[in-house]
Amino acid sequence: MSTIVIIVAVVVVLALVALVLRTMARRRHLRERFGPEYERTVEAKHSRGAADRDLRAREERHETLEIRPLPSTVRDRYARDWTSVQEHFVDSPDQAVGEADRLVTTLMSERGYPTENYEQQKRDLSVEHSRTLEHYRVAHEINKRAGGRDTSTEELRSAMVHYRALFEELLHDGTGSPDEKRR
């Protein structure tokens, strides 16, 4: 009888160790994949377990999306459109920031990301673009205030820089940037 109790205890301990190791491996995967978004989600959810579940749900949703690279002709057209938006900044900074937001959203849609609302856009982008997601957040916040007395030209310029970071990543994702191709 005591042998059976010892065997059961060992099996339970081994199962618990396996569960802990599996949880640690999943958490490490999520931290590596989501970068700064991992800690942001932990803070928002007030729990690592809840954050882990949320981030895994994002990954699962992302798997159902049909994210696609852009053909070079389409990438070139978007690059020209971005240049045009930047040129508009000189005469109308607040309108150019709005144009940048719309261009980024259009590019996201063309790549296959749903664009029904900003909160879902952030969640979907976080899976593959967590490193530039903060740029998008900052730019979006400035864009919401653009046109009022609350935004300076410097803030609007900053929004353009932030939008460009995500724009460039979306534009060249999976295809390499022009600089990478020259190396």
Protein backbone atom coordinates (compact mmCIF):
# COMPACT_ATOMS: atom_id res chain seq x y z
CA MET A 1 0.00 0.00 0.00
CA SER A 2 2.76 2.47 0.87
CA THR A 3 4.44 1.76 -2.45
CA ILE A 4 1.28 2.77 -4.28
CA VAL A 5 1.06 6.01 -2.27
CA ILE A 6 4.68 6.83 -3.10
CA ILE A 7 4.14 6.10 -6.80
CA VAL A 8 1.01 8.25 -6.89
CA ALA A 9 2.84 11.07 -5.09
CA VAL A 10 5.74 10.89 -7.54
CA VAL A 11 3.36 10.91 -10.51
CA VAL A 12 1.53 13.95 -9.09
CA VAL A 13 4.81 15.80 -8.47
CA LEU A 14 6.04 14.98 -11.99
CA ALA A 15 2.73 16.18 -13.48
CA LEU A 16 2.99 19.44 -11.53
CA VAL A 17 6.60 19.95 -12.63
CA ALA A 18 5.59 19.29 -16.25
CA LEU A 19 2.72 21.77 -15.93
CA VAL A 20 4.99 24.45 -14.46
CA LEU A 21 7.61 23.92 -17.18
CA ARG A 22 4.95 24.07 -19.89
CA THR A 23 3.53 27.30 -18.44
CA MET A 24 7.01 28.81 -18.26
CA ALA A 25 7.75 27.85 -21.88
CA ARG A 26 4.46 29.36 -23.08
CA ARG A 27 5.08 32.54 -21.13
CA ARG A 28 8.62 32.82 -22.55
CA HIS A 29 7.21 32.36 -26.06
CA LEU A 30 4.62 35.09 -25.47
CA ARG A 31 7.23 37.48 -24.01
CA GLU A 32 9.50 36.95 -27.00
CA ARG A 33 6.72 37.29 -29.54
CA PHE A 34 4.91 40.25 -28.03
CA GLY A 35 7.84 42.13 -26.53
CA PRO A 36 6.69 45.28 -24.70
CA GLU A 37 3.06 44.40 -25.47
CA TYR A 38 3.36 41.45 -23.08
CA GLU A 39 3.95 43.65 -20.02
CA ARG A 40 1.36 46.17 -21.19
CA THR A 41 -1.22 43.36 -21.36
CA VAL A 42 -0.22 41.99 -17.95
CA GLU A 43 -0.75 45.46 -16.49
CA ALA A 44 -4.10 45.91 -18.25
CA LYS A 45 -5.37 42.45 -17.23
CA HIS A 46 -3.91 42.65 -13.68
CA SER A 47 -2.73 39.05 -14.01
CA ARG A 48 -0.12 37.10 -15.94
CA GLY A 49 -2.53 34.23 -16.45
CA ALA A 50 -5.23 36.49 -17.90
CA ALA A 51 -2.64 38.23 -20.07
CA ASP A 52 -1.33 34.89 -21.32
CA ARG A 53 -4.87 33.82 -22.27
CA ASP A 54 -5.52 37.12 -24.03
CA LEU A 55 -2.28 37.00 -26.01
CA ARG A 56 -2.85 33.35 -26.99
CA ALA A 57 -6.33 34.37 -28.20
CA ARG A 58 -4.71 37.10 -30.32
CA GLU A 59 -2.36 34.52 -31.82
CA GLU A 60 -5.28 32.21 -32.59
CA ARG A 61 -7.24 35.02 -34.26
CA HIS A 62 -4.14 36.05 -36.22
CA GLU A 63 -3.84 32.50 -37.56
CA THR A 64 -7.28 32.91 -39.18
CA LEU A 65 -6.34 36.14 -40.95
CA GLU A 66 -5.05 36.03 -44.49
CA ILE A 67 -2.06 38.35 -44.11
CA ARG A 68 -0.25 38.70 -47.40
CA PRO A 69 2.84 40.46 -48.69
CA LEU A 70 2.40 43.18 -51.26
CA PRO A 71 3.52 42.89 -54.87
CA SER A 72 6.36 45.28 -55.65
CA THR A 73 4.14 47.48 -57.84
CA VAL A 74 1.70 47.97 -54.98
CA ARG A 75 4.56 48.66 -52.53
CA ASP A 76 5.89 51.28 -54.94
CA ARG A 77 2.47 52.93 -55.18
CA TYR A 78 2.19 53.09 -51.38
CA ALA A 79 5.70 54.52 -51.13
CA ARG A 80 4.71 57.27 -53.58
CA ASP A 81 1.52 57.90 -51.60
CA TRP A 82 3.57 58.25 -48.42
CA THR A 83 5.88 60.75 -50.09
CA SER A 84 2.84 62.75 -51.14
CA VAL A 85 1.48 62.76 -47.58
CA GLN A 86 4.84 63.98 -46.29
CA GLU A 87 4.85 66.77 -48.87
CA HIS A 88 1.40 67.90 -47.68
CA PHE A 89 2.80 68.26 -44.17
CA VAL A 90 4.59 71.48 -45.10
CA ASP A 91 1.36 73.33 -45.95
CA SER A 92 -1.11 71.52 -43.67
CA PRO A 93 0.45 69.48 -40.86
CA ASP A 94 -2.80 68.47 -39.15
CA GLN A 95 -4.39 67.31 -42.41
CA ALA A 96 -1.23 65.41 -43.36
CA VAL A 97 -1.36 63.51 -40.07
CA GLY A 98 -4.96 62.54 -40.85
CA GLU A 99 -3.87 61.43 -44.32
CA ALA A 100 -1.06 59.38 -42.78
CA ASP A 101 -3.54 57.65 -40.48
CA ARG A 102 -5.83 56.82 -43.40
CA LEU A 103 -2.92 55.59 -45.52
CA VAL A 104 -1.67 53.30 -42.74
CA THR A 105 -5.21 51.95 -42.29
CA THR A 106 -5.58 51.37 -46.04
CA LEU A 107 -2.22 49.59 -46.13
CA MET A 108 -3.26 47.40 -43.21
CA SER A 109 -6.42 46.45 -45.07
CA GLU A 110 -4.52 45.70 -48.26
CA ARG A 111 -2.20 43.41 -46.30
CA GLY A 112 -5.24 41.54 -44.94
CA TYR A 113 -5.69 43.06 -41.50
CA PRO A 114 -9.27 43.84 -40.51
CA THR A 115 -9.67 47.56 -39.90
CA GLU A 116 -13.13 47.73 -38.35
CA ASN A 117 -11.96 49.58 -35.24
CA TYR A 118 -8.80 50.93 -33.68
CA GLU A 119 -8.82 48.65 -30.62
CA GLN A 120 -9.06 45.53 -32.78
CA GLN A 121 -6.39 46.90 -35.12
CA LYS A 122 -3.99 47.17 -32.17
CA ARG A 123 -4.78 43.64 -31.05
CA ASP A 124 -4.27 42.21 -34.54
CA LEU A 125 -1.09 44.17 -35.18
CA SER A 126 0.36 43.17 -31.81
CA VAL A 127 0.97 39.60 -32.96
CA GLU A 128 3.44 40.44 -35.74
CA HIS A 129 4.22 44.11 -35.14
CA SER A 130 4.50 44.45 -31.38
CA ARG A 131 7.80 46.32 -31.63
CA THR A 132 6.23 49.18 -33.62
CA LEU A 133 2.81 49.13 -31.99
CA GLU A 134 3.73 51.88 -29.54
CA HIS A 135 4.49 54.13 -32.53
CA TYR A 136 0.97 53.53 -33.78
CA ARG A 137 -0.54 54.30 -30.37
CA VAL A 138 1.34 57.60 -30.05
CA ALA A 139 0.56 58.69 -33.60
CA HIS A 140 -3.12 57.80 -33.21
CA GLU A 141 -3.41 59.81 -29.99
CA ILE A 142 -1.84 62.87 -31.61
CA ASN A 143 -4.08 62.44 -34.65
CA LYS A 144 -7.16 62.45 -32.41
CA ARG A 145 -6.10 65.84 -31.05
CA ALA A 146 -4.96 67.25 -34.42
CA GLY A 147 -6.75 70.29 -35.71
CA GLY A 148 -7.25 71.75 -32.28
CA ARG A 149 -5.15 74.07 -30.20
CA ASP A 150 -3.82 71.10 -28.24
CA THR A 151 -1.26 70.04 -30.83
CA SER A 152 1.92 71.78 -31.83
CA THR A 153 3.63 71.43 -35.18
CA GLU A 154 6.37 69.47 -33.39
CA GLU A 155 3.82 66.98 -32.06
CA LEU A 156 2.33 66.62 -35.52
CA ARG A 157 5.81 66.03 -36.94
CA SER A 158 6.32 63.41 -34.25
CA ALA A 159 3.05 61.72 -35.27
CA MET A 160 4.31 61.51 -38.85
CA VAL A 161 7.53 59.87 -37.65
CA HIS A 162 5.54 57.38 -35.58
CA TYR A 163 3.16 56.58 -38.42
CA ARG A 164 6.14 56.10 -40.73
CA ALA A 165 7.64 53.45 -38.43
CA LEU A 166 4.56 51.23 -38.70
CA PHE A 167 4.00 52.15 -42.35
CA GLU A 168 7.52 51.02 -43.31
CA GLU A 169 7.18 47.78 -41.38
CA LEU A 170 3.82 46.98 -42.97
CA LEU A 171 5.04 47.99 -46.40
CA HIS A 172 8.07 45.72 -46.38
CA ASP A 173 6.92 42.95 -44.05
CA GLY A 174 7.86 39.62 -45.54
CA THR A 175 9.60 41.22 -48.49
CA GLY A 176 12.57 42.93 -46.88
CA SER A 177 13.18 46.64 -46.97
CA PRO A 178 15.06 48.22 -49.84
CA ASP A 179 18.08 48.66 -47.54
CA GLU A 180 18.08 44.95 -46.64
CA LYS A 181 17.96 43.94 -50.30
CA ARG A 182 21.09 45.98 -51.07
CA ARG A 183 23.17 44.15 -48.45
